[in-house]
Amino acid sequence: METVSGNLASTLRIEPGITAIIGSGGKSTLLKTLGLELMRAGGRVLLCTTTHMFPVAGVPWDGSSRRLDAAPWKPGAAHVPGCTCEACAGLARGSICQAGVLDPETGKLSAPAEPLGELAQRFDYVLAEADGSKRLPLKAHAAWEPVIPAATANVVWVVGASGLGKPINEAVHRPELFCERCGCELTDIATPERVAQVLNAEMQALKLSTARVMLNQVDTLADPTIADRFQAALGRPVVATNLK
């Protein structure tokens, strides 16, 4: 089990281009954490989604200098081609912004108006949250998920350790699909072996064998050997961390 002792972007081997963040148990926090790390290293960074997400507090949006944590949220114009902010114009190293079309009723952003492949030509890193989990620590993917853009360079699959050891019907988004993939009942426990079985099945079906797996929330585990059991059952390296 590899733990994060320094730079998370380096540990996850994030390369320039599009990074899709999928799974459950800390995707939005990882999106912001990676974005700030890559920005501080001198990168031009864009945060966005291919589905829906709440805007990331503190990150400029719509090309203005307004910061989302400094003023009440107000609907604004969508981030569009031709934006003049320094990050989008490629004028500033070490810059970050976010793009998307705002739904004023939900307060969420959807995918940017401009294709991510085109945005990736103007930014060093495009970090995209690529599915939802209803704020639950574990999930099973439906047939239409995740929404991974073409030409994606990196996929990070997040798993929330706080769901391990809990009943499936309490900890898992789409628990029926989860049970179908590991042959259990809704009231059974989400053991590390069952979670690994579902993840391996989905990796094979989605052809995502090169995805990097990150087990988040490991500080919630009363028994630290549970993380080792998960990695052993998964049969591949796992990065363990505690993102807040």
C-alpha atoms as a PDB file:
ATOM      1  CA  MET A   1       0.000   0.000   0.000  1.00  0.00           C
ATOM      2  CA  GLU A   2       1.551   3.286  -1.116  1.00  0.00           C
ATOM      3  CA  THR A   3       0.814   6.251   1.131  1.00  0.00           C
ATOM      4  CA  VAL A   4       1.129   9.877   0.086  1.00  0.00           C
ATOM      5  CA  SER A   5       4.124  11.462   1.764  1.00  0.00           C
ATOM      6  CA  GLY A   6       4.494  14.470  -0.499  1.00  0.00           C
ATOM      7  CA  ASN A   7       3.037  15.565  -3.798  1.00  0.00           C
ATOM      8  CA  LEU A   8      -0.181  13.745  -4.674  1.00  0.00           C
ATOM      9  CA  ALA A   9       0.060  14.564  -8.379  1.00  0.00           C
ATOM     10  CA  SER A  10       3.465  12.885  -8.515  1.00  0.00           C
ATOM     11  CA  THR A  11       2.279   9.870  -6.538  1.00  0.00           C
ATOM     12  CA  LEU A  12      -0.640   9.402  -8.942  1.00  0.00           C
ATOM     13  CA  ARG A  13       1.673  10.038 -11.928  1.00  0.00           C
ATOM     14  CA  ILE A  14      -0.532  12.760 -13.416  1.00  0.00           C
ATOM     15  CA  GLU A  15       0.717  13.621 -16.896  1.00  0.00           C
ATOM     16  CA  PRO A  16      -0.196  16.728 -18.928  1.00  0.00           C
ATOM     17  CA  GLY A  17      -3.499  16.524 -20.803  1.00  0.00           C
ATOM     18  CA  ILE A  18      -6.953  15.437 -19.639  1.00  0.00           C
ATOM     19  CA  THR A  19      -7.362  13.660 -16.308  1.00  0.00           C
ATOM     20  CA  ALA A  20     -10.720  11.972 -15.575  1.00  0.00           C
ATOM     21  CA  ILE A  21     -11.545  11.501 -11.879  1.00  0.00           C
ATOM     22  CA  ILE A  22     -14.140   8.771 -11.274  1.00  0.00           C
ATOM     23  CA  GLY A  23     -15.532   6.659  -8.440  1.00  0.00           C
ATOM     24  CA  SER A  24     -16.688   7.881  -5.039  1.00  0.00           C
ATOM     25  CA  GLY A  25     -15.516   9.122  -1.674  1.00  0.00           C
ATOM     26  CA  GLY A  26     -13.575  12.286  -2.485  1.00  0.00           C
ATOM     27  CA  LYS A  27     -13.622  13.125  -6.212  1.00  0.00           C
ATOM     28  CA  SER A  28     -14.300  16.849  -5.764  1.00  0.00           C
ATOM     29  CA  THR A  29     -11.680  17.192  -3.047  1.00  0.00           C
ATOM     30  CA  LEU A  30      -9.140  15.372  -5.220  1.00  0.00           C
ATOM     31  CA  LEU A  31     -10.025  17.631  -8.162  1.00  0.00           C
ATOM     32  CA  LYS A  32      -9.178  20.760  -6.174  1.00  0.00           C
ATOM     33  CA  THR A  33      -6.133  19.237  -4.437  1.00  0.00           C
ATOM     34  CA  LEU A  34      -4.543  18.141  -7.708  1.00  0.00           C
ATOM     35  CA  GLY A  35      -5.437  21.427  -9.375  1.00  0.00           C
ATOM     36  CA  LEU A  36      -3.731  23.521  -6.712  1.00  0.00           C
ATOM     37  CA  GLU A  37      -0.654  21.283  -6.668  1.00  0.00           C
ATOM     38  CA  LEU A  38      -0.244  21.479 -10.432  1.00  0.00           C
ATOM     39  CA  MET A  39      -0.863  25.237 -10.399  1.00  0.00           C
ATOM     40  CA  ARG A  40       1.804  25.774  -7.726  1.00  0.00           C
ATOM     41  CA  ALA A  41       4.210  23.751  -9.865  1.00  0.00           C
ATOM     42  CA  GLY A  42       3.733  26.277 -12.664  1.00  0.00           C
ATOM     43  CA  GLY A  43       1.011  24.595 -14.688  1.00  0.00           C
ATOM     44  CA  ARG A  44      -1.983  26.175 -16.419  1.00  0.00           C
ATOM     45  CA  VAL A  45      -4.880  24.211 -14.931  1.00  0.00           C
ATOM     46  CA  LEU A  46      -8.582  23.936 -15.792  1.00  0.00           C
ATOM     47  CA  LEU A  47     -11.147  22.270 -13.497  1.00  0.00           C
ATOM     48  CA  CYS A  48     -14.416  21.033 -15.000  1.00  0.00           C
ATOM     49  CA  THR A  49     -16.880  18.152 -15.188  1.00  0.00           C
ATOM     50  CA  THR A  50     -18.282  15.899 -17.887  1.00  0.00           C
ATOM     51  CA  THR A  51     -21.499  15.444 -15.880  1.00  0.00           C
ATOM     52  CA  HIS A  52     -22.464  17.847 -13.061  1.00  0.00           C
ATOM     53  CA  MET A  53     -20.639  19.255 -10.067  1.00  0.00           C
ATOM     54  CA  PHE A  54     -20.822  22.123  -7.622  1.00  0.00           C
ATOM     55  CA  PRO A  55     -18.342  24.906  -8.449  1.00  0.00           C
ATOM     56  CA  VAL A  56     -15.022  24.647  -6.646  1.00  0.00           C
ATOM     57  CA  ALA A  57     -14.859  27.389  -4.006  1.00  0.00           C
ATOM     58  CA  GLY A  58     -11.942  29.768  -4.368  1.00  0.00           C
ATOM     59  CA  VAL A  59     -11.278  29.076  -8.056  1.00  0.00           C
ATOM     60  CA  PRO A  60     -12.038  31.797 -10.666  1.00  0.00           C
ATOM     61  CA  TRP A  61     -14.934  31.096 -13.020  1.00  0.00           C
ATOM     62  CA  ASP A  62     -16.288  32.714 -16.203  1.00  0.00           C
ATOM     63  CA  GLY A  63     -13.127  34.686 -16.919  1.00  0.00           C
ATOM     64  CA  SER A  64     -13.702  37.291 -14.204  1.00  0.00           C
ATOM     65  CA  SER A  65     -11.530  38.116 -11.231  1.00  0.00           C
ATOM     66  CA  ARG A  66     -14.388  37.290  -8.846  1.00  0.00           C
ATOM     67  CA  ARG A  67     -13.580  34.383  -6.542  1.00  0.00           C
ATOM     68  CA  LEU A  68     -16.385  32.009  -5.622  1.00  0.00           C
ATOM     69  CA  ASP A  69     -15.592  31.989  -1.903  1.00  0.00           C
ATOM     70  CA  ALA A  70     -15.470  35.772  -1.628  1.00  0.00           C
ATOM     71  CA  ALA A  71     -18.947  36.778  -2.798  1.00  0.00           C
ATOM     72  CA  PRO A  72     -22.493  35.389  -2.846  1.00  0.00           C
ATOM     73  CA  TRP A  73     -23.053  33.072  -5.810  1.00  0.00           C
ATOM     74  CA  LYS A  74     -24.800  34.747  -8.736  1.00  0.00           C
ATOM     75  CA  PRO A  75     -25.533  33.191 -12.115  1.00  0.00           C
ATOM     76  CA  GLY A  76     -23.047  34.402 -14.685  1.00  0.00           C
ATOM     77  CA  ALA A  77     -22.190  33.871 -18.302  1.00  0.00           C
ATOM     78  CA  ALA A  78     -20.891  30.459 -19.275  1.00  0.00           C
ATOM     79  CA  HIS A  79     -17.153  30.056 -19.656  1.00  0.00           C
ATOM     80  CA  VAL A  80     -16.830  30.139 -23.439  1.00  0.00           C
ATOM     81  CA  PRO A  81     -14.159  30.221 -26.164  1.00  0.00           C
ATOM     82  CA  GLY A  82     -12.630  33.668 -26.294  1.00  0.00           C
ATOM     83  CA  CYS A  83     -12.447  34.092 -22.532  1.00  0.00           C
ATOM     84  CA  THR A  84      -9.790  36.664 -21.672  1.00  0.00           C
ATOM     85  CA  CYS A  85      -8.708  35.412 -18.253  1.00  0.00           C
ATOM     86  CA  GLU A  86      -4.951  34.905 -18.016  1.00  0.00           C
ATOM     87  CA  ALA A  87      -5.182  31.141 -17.633  1.00  0.00           C
ATOM     88  CA  CYS A  88      -7.357  30.668 -20.711  1.00  0.00           C
ATOM     89  CA  ALA A  89      -5.311  33.047 -22.810  1.00  0.00           C
ATOM     90  CA  GLY A  90      -2.203  31.083 -21.915  1.00  0.00           C
ATOM     91  CA  LEU A  91      -0.543  34.222 -20.575  1.00  0.00           C
ATOM     92  CA  ALA A  92       0.211  33.090 -17.049  1.00  0.00           C
ATOM     93  CA  ARG A  93       2.081  30.115 -15.712  1.00  0.00           C
ATOM     94  CA  GLY A  94       0.875  28.804 -12.382  1.00  0.00           C
ATOM     95  CA  SER A  95      -2.782  29.664 -12.981  1.00  0.00           C
ATOM     96  CA  ILE A  96      -6.106  27.922 -12.400  1.00  0.00           C
ATOM     97  CA  CYS A  97      -9.730  28.442 -13.372  1.00  0.00           C
ATOM     98  CA  GLN A  98     -12.864  26.358 -13.836  1.00  0.00           C
ATOM     99  CA  ALA A  99     -15.270  26.054 -16.728  1.00  0.00           C
ATOM    100  CA  GLY A 100     -18.837  24.921 -17.166  1.00  0.00           C
ATOM    101  CA  VAL A 101     -22.408  26.001 -17.818  1.00  0.00           C
ATOM    102  CA  LEU A 102     -24.256  26.978 -14.656  1.00  0.00           C
ATOM    103  CA  ASP A 103     -27.735  25.703 -13.834  1.00  0.00           C
ATOM    104  CA  PRO A 104     -29.089  28.504 -11.625  1.00  0.00           C
ATOM    105  CA  GLU A 105     -31.716  26.185 -10.115  1.00  0.00           C
ATOM    106  CA  THR A 106     -29.268  23.586  -8.815  1.00  0.00           C
ATOM    107  CA  GLY A 107     -26.168  25.757  -8.547  1.00  0.00           C
ATOM    108  CA  LYS A 108     -24.200  23.088 -10.395  1.00  0.00           C
ATOM    109  CA  LEU A 109     -21.928  23.328 -13.397  1.00  0.00           C
ATOM    110  CA  SER A 110     -22.303  20.989 -16.357  1.00  0.00           C
ATOM    111  CA  ALA A 111     -19.698  20.329 -19.040  1.00  0.00           C
ATOM    112  CA  PRO A 112     -18.005  23.347 -20.660  1.00  0.00           C
ATOM    113  CA  ALA A 113     -19.442  24.641 -23.910  1.00  0.00           C
ATOM    114  CA  GLU A 114     -16.116  24.023 -25.638  1.00  0.00           C
ATOM    115  CA  PRO A 115     -15.005  20.391 -26.198  1.00  0.00           C
ATOM    116  CA  LEU A 116     -12.436  19.265 -23.640  1.00  0.00           C
ATOM    117  CA  GLY A 117     -10.067  18.205 -26.406  1.00  0.00           C
ATOM    118  CA  GLU A 118      -9.922  21.810 -27.594  1.00  0.00           C
ATOM    119  CA  LEU A 119      -9.549  23.178 -24.071  1.00  0.00           C
ATOM    120  CA  ALA A 120      -6.658  20.782 -23.524  1.00  0.00           C
ATOM    121  CA  GLN A 121      -4.764  22.599 -26.277  1.00  0.00           C
ATOM    122  CA  ARG A 122      -4.780  25.792 -24.180  1.00  0.00           C
ATOM    123  CA  PHE A 123      -4.116  24.280 -20.763  1.00  0.00           C
ATOM    124  CA  ASP A 124      -1.339  22.068 -19.441  1.00  0.00           C
ATOM    125  CA  TYR A 125      -3.830  20.091 -17.344  1.00  0.00           C
ATOM    126  CA  VAL A 126      -7.599  19.640 -17.699  1.00  0.00           C
ATOM    127  CA  LEU A 127      -9.000  17.895 -14.611  1.00  0.00           C
ATOM    128  CA  ALA A 128     -12.550  16.581 -15.093  1.00  0.00           C
ATOM    129  CA  GLU A 129     -14.890  15.033 -12.543  1.00  0.00           C
ATOM    130  CA  ALA A 130     -16.426  12.307 -14.702  1.00  0.00           C
ATOM    131  CA  ASP A 131     -19.251  10.720 -12.699  1.00  0.00           C
ATOM    132  CA  GLY A 132     -21.422  11.141  -9.614  1.00  0.00           C
ATOM    133  CA  SER A 133     -21.900   9.179  -6.406  1.00  0.00           C
ATOM    134  CA  LYS A 134     -24.600  11.016  -4.423  1.00  0.00           C
ATOM    135  CA  ARG A 135     -21.980  11.752  -1.731  1.00  0.00           C
ATOM    136  CA  LEU A 136     -21.724   8.063  -0.814  1.00  0.00           C
ATOM    137  CA  PRO A 137     -18.288   6.492  -0.253  1.00  0.00           C
ATOM    138  CA  LEU A 138     -18.776   3.547  -2.661  1.00  0.00           C
ATOM    139  CA  LYS A 139     -20.542   3.078  -5.974  1.00  0.00           C
ATOM    140  CA  ALA A 140     -21.273   0.810  -8.913  1.00  0.00           C
ATOM    141  CA  HIS A 141     -21.324   2.334 -12.381  1.00  0.00           C
ATOM    142  CA  ALA A 142     -24.410   2.328 -14.579  1.00  0.00           C
ATOM    143  CA  ALA A 143     -24.131   1.591 -18.295  1.00  0.00           C
ATOM    144  CA  TRP A 144     -23.767   5.281 -19.195  1.00  0.00           C
ATOM    145  CA  GLU A 145     -20.993   5.943 -16.672  1.00  0.00           C
ATOM    146  CA  PRO A 146     -18.342   7.183 -16.324  1.00  0.00           C
ATOM    147  CA  VAL A 147     -18.259   9.915 -18.968  1.00  0.00           C
ATOM    148  CA  ILE A 148     -14.578   9.851 -19.907  1.00  0.00           C
ATOM    149  CA  PRO A 149     -13.511  12.243 -22.677  1.00  0.00           C
ATOM    150  CA  ALA A 150     -11.671  10.993 -25.726  1.00  0.00           C
ATOM    151  CA  ALA A 151      -7.887  11.371 -25.570  1.00  0.00           C
ATOM    152  CA  THR A 152      -7.872  11.227 -21.768  1.00  0.00           C
ATOM    153  CA  ALA A 153      -4.299  10.874 -20.517  1.00  0.00           C
ATOM    154  CA  ASN A 154      -4.995   9.830 -16.916  1.00  0.00           C
ATOM    155  CA  VAL A 155      -7.843   8.124 -15.050  1.00  0.00           C
ATOM    156  CA  VAL A 156      -7.943   8.186 -11.242  1.00  0.00           C
ATOM    157  CA  TRP A 157     -10.468   5.841  -9.619  1.00  0.00           C
ATOM    158  CA  VAL A 158     -11.374   6.990  -6.097  1.00  0.00           C
ATOM    159  CA  VAL A 159     -12.716   4.579  -3.459  1.00  0.00           C
ATOM    160  CA  GLY A 160     -14.015   5.826  -0.099  1.00  0.00           C
ATOM    161  CA  ALA A 161     -12.637   3.706   2.737  1.00  0.00           C
ATOM    162  CA  SER A 162     -15.373   4.938   5.078  1.00  0.00           C
ATOM    163  CA  GLY A 163     -17.778   2.621   3.239  1.00  0.00           C
ATOM    164  CA  LEU A 164     -15.766  -0.527   3.903  1.00  0.00           C
ATOM    165  CA  GLY A 165     -17.358  -2.688   6.591  1.00  0.00           C
ATOM    166  CA  LYS A 166     -20.770  -1.031   6.269  1.00  0.00           C
ATOM    167  CA  PRO A 167     -23.980  -2.538   4.843  1.00  0.00           C
ATOM    168  CA  ILE A 168     -24.090  -2.235   1.060  1.00  0.00           C
ATOM    169  CA  ASN A 169     -27.484  -0.541   1.064  1.00  0.00           C
ATOM    170  CA  GLU A 170     -26.089   2.217   3.310  1.00  0.00           C
ATOM    171  CA  ALA A 171     -22.684   2.839   1.760  1.00  0.00           C
ATOM    172  CA  VAL A 172     -23.080   2.239  -1.977  1.00  0.00           C
ATOM    173  CA  HIS A 173     -24.534   4.373  -4.756  1.00  0.00           C
ATOM    174  CA  ARG A 174     -26.531   2.005  -7.001  1.00  0.00           C
ATOM    175  CA  PRO A 175     -26.359  -0.891  -4.542  1.00  0.00           C
ATOM    176  CA  GLU A 176     -28.412  -3.217  -6.757  1.00  0.00           C
ATOM    177  CA  LEU A 177     -25.767  -3.058  -9.486  1.00  0.00           C
ATOM    178  CA  PHE A 178     -23.050  -3.597  -6.894  1.00  0.00           C
ATOM    179  CA  CYS A 179     -24.785  -6.764  -5.649  1.00  0.00           C
ATOM    180  CA  GLU A 180     -25.232  -8.078  -9.187  1.00  0.00           C
ATOM    181  CA  ARG A 181     -21.488  -7.800  -9.764  1.00  0.00           C
ATOM    182  CA  CYS A 182     -20.363  -9.578  -6.623  1.00  0.00           C
ATOM    183  CA  GLY A 183     -23.266 -11.974  -5.973  1.00  0.00           C
ATOM    184  CA  CYS A 184     -24.483 -10.707  -2.623  1.00  0.00           C
ATOM    185  CA  GLU A 185     -27.521  -9.154  -0.922  1.00  0.00           C
ATOM    186  CA  LEU A 186     -28.268  -5.495  -0.225  1.00  0.00           C
ATOM    187  CA  THR A 187     -27.964  -6.049   3.520  1.00  0.00           C
ATOM    188  CA  ASP A 188     -24.581  -7.771   3.250  1.00  0.00           C
ATOM    189  CA  ILE A 189     -21.408  -5.963   4.268  1.00  0.00           C
ATOM    190  CA  ALA A 190     -19.278  -4.051   1.773  1.00  0.00           C
ATOM    191  CA  THR A 191     -16.133  -6.004   2.561  1.00  0.00           C
ATOM    192  CA  PRO A 192     -12.846  -4.972   0.944  1.00  0.00           C
ATOM    193  CA  GLU A 193     -12.969  -8.200  -1.078  1.00  0.00           C
ATOM    194  CA  ARG A 194     -16.436  -7.421  -2.473  1.00  0.00           C
ATOM    195  CA  VAL A 195     -15.498  -3.844  -3.305  1.00  0.00           C
ATOM    196  CA  ALA A 196     -12.354  -5.069  -5.068  1.00  0.00           C
ATOM    197  CA  GLN A 197     -14.379  -7.668  -6.993  1.00  0.00           C
ATOM    198  CA  VAL A 198     -16.793  -5.028  -8.273  1.00  0.00           C
ATOM    199  CA  LEU A 199     -13.980  -2.630  -9.148  1.00  0.00           C
ATOM    200  CA  ASN A 200     -12.067  -5.313 -11.058  1.00  0.00           C
ATOM    201  CA  ALA A 201     -15.197  -6.321 -12.969  1.00  0.00           C
ATOM    202  CA  GLU A 202     -15.881  -2.710 -13.944  1.00  0.00           C
ATOM    203  CA  MET A 203     -12.262  -2.046 -14.895  1.00  0.00           C
ATOM    204  CA  GLN A 204     -12.393  -4.988 -17.272  1.00  0.00           C
ATOM    205  CA  ALA A 205     -15.767  -4.002 -18.736  1.00  0.00           C
ATOM    206  CA  LEU A 206     -14.749  -0.361 -19.176  1.00  0.00           C
ATOM    207  CA  LYS A 207     -11.240  -1.215 -20.421  1.00  0.00           C
ATOM    208  CA  LEU A 208      -9.680   0.943 -17.708  1.00  0.00           C
ATOM    209  CA  SER A 209      -6.906  -1.364 -16.577  1.00  0.00           C
ATOM    210  CA  THR A 210      -4.434   1.549 -16.556  1.00  0.00           C
ATOM    211  CA  ALA A 211      -6.491   3.613 -14.091  1.00  0.00           C
ATOM    212  CA  ARG A 212      -4.749   4.537 -10.834  1.00  0.00           C
ATOM    213  CA  VAL A 213      -6.726   3.497  -7.756  1.00  0.00           C
ATOM    214  CA  MET A 214      -6.812   5.835  -4.771  1.00  0.00           C
ATOM    215  CA  LEU A 215      -8.257   4.660  -1.454  1.00  0.00           C
ATOM    216  CA  ASN A 216      -9.328   7.828   0.333  1.00  0.00           C
ATOM    217  CA  GLN A 217     -10.524   8.294   3.936  1.00  0.00           C
ATOM    218  CA  VAL A 218      -8.183   5.616   5.321  1.00  0.00           C
ATOM    219  CA  ASP A 219      -8.175   7.467   8.643  1.00  0.00           C
ATOM    220  CA  THR A 220     -11.752   6.211   9.141  1.00  0.00           C
ATOM    221  CA  LEU A 221     -10.629   2.563   9.257  1.00  0.00           C
ATOM    222  CA  ALA A 222     -10.643   1.149  12.779  1.00  0.00           C
ATOM    223  CA  ASP A 223      -8.579  -1.789  11.494  1.00  0.00           C
ATOM    224  CA  PRO A 224      -5.738  -0.632   9.201  1.00  0.00           C
ATOM    225  CA  THR A 225      -5.361  -4.155   7.765  1.00  0.00           C
ATOM    226  CA  ILE A 226      -8.624  -3.575   5.867  1.00  0.00           C
ATOM    227  CA  ALA A 227      -6.750  -1.353   3.407  1.00  0.00           C
ATOM    228  CA  ASP A 228      -4.170  -4.097   2.853  1.00  0.00           C
ATOM    229  CA  ARG A 229      -6.968  -6.634   2.290  1.00  0.00           C
ATOM    230  CA  PHE A 230      -8.477  -4.339  -0.338  1.00  0.00           C
ATOM    231  CA  GLN A 231      -5.192  -4.017  -2.207  1.00  0.00           C
ATOM    232  CA  ALA A 232      -4.534  -7.771  -2.012  1.00  0.00           C
ATOM    233  CA  ALA A 233      -8.007  -8.586  -3.368  1.00  0.00           C
ATOM    234  CA  LEU A 234      -7.667  -5.974  -6.099  1.00  0.00           C
ATOM    235  CA  GLY A 235      -4.315  -7.379  -7.178  1.00  0.00           C
ATOM    236  CA  ARG A 236      -2.821  -4.015  -8.155  1.00  0.00           C
ATOM    237  CA  PRO A 237      -1.118  -1.045  -6.449  1.00  0.00           C
ATOM    238  CA  VAL A 238      -3.316   1.284  -4.425  1.00  0.00           C
ATOM    239  CA  VAL A 239      -2.515   4.813  -3.233  1.00  0.00           C
ATOM    240  CA  ALA A 240      -3.831   5.435   0.292  1.00  0.00           C
ATOM    241  CA  THR A 241      -4.622   8.953   1.488  1.00  0.00           C
ATOM    242  CA  ASN A 242      -6.846  11.148   3.659  1.00  0.00           C
ATOM    243  CA  LEU A 243      -8.187  14.112   1.719  1.00  0.00           C
ATOM    244  CA  LYS A 244     -10.312  16.573   3.669  1.00  0.00           C
END
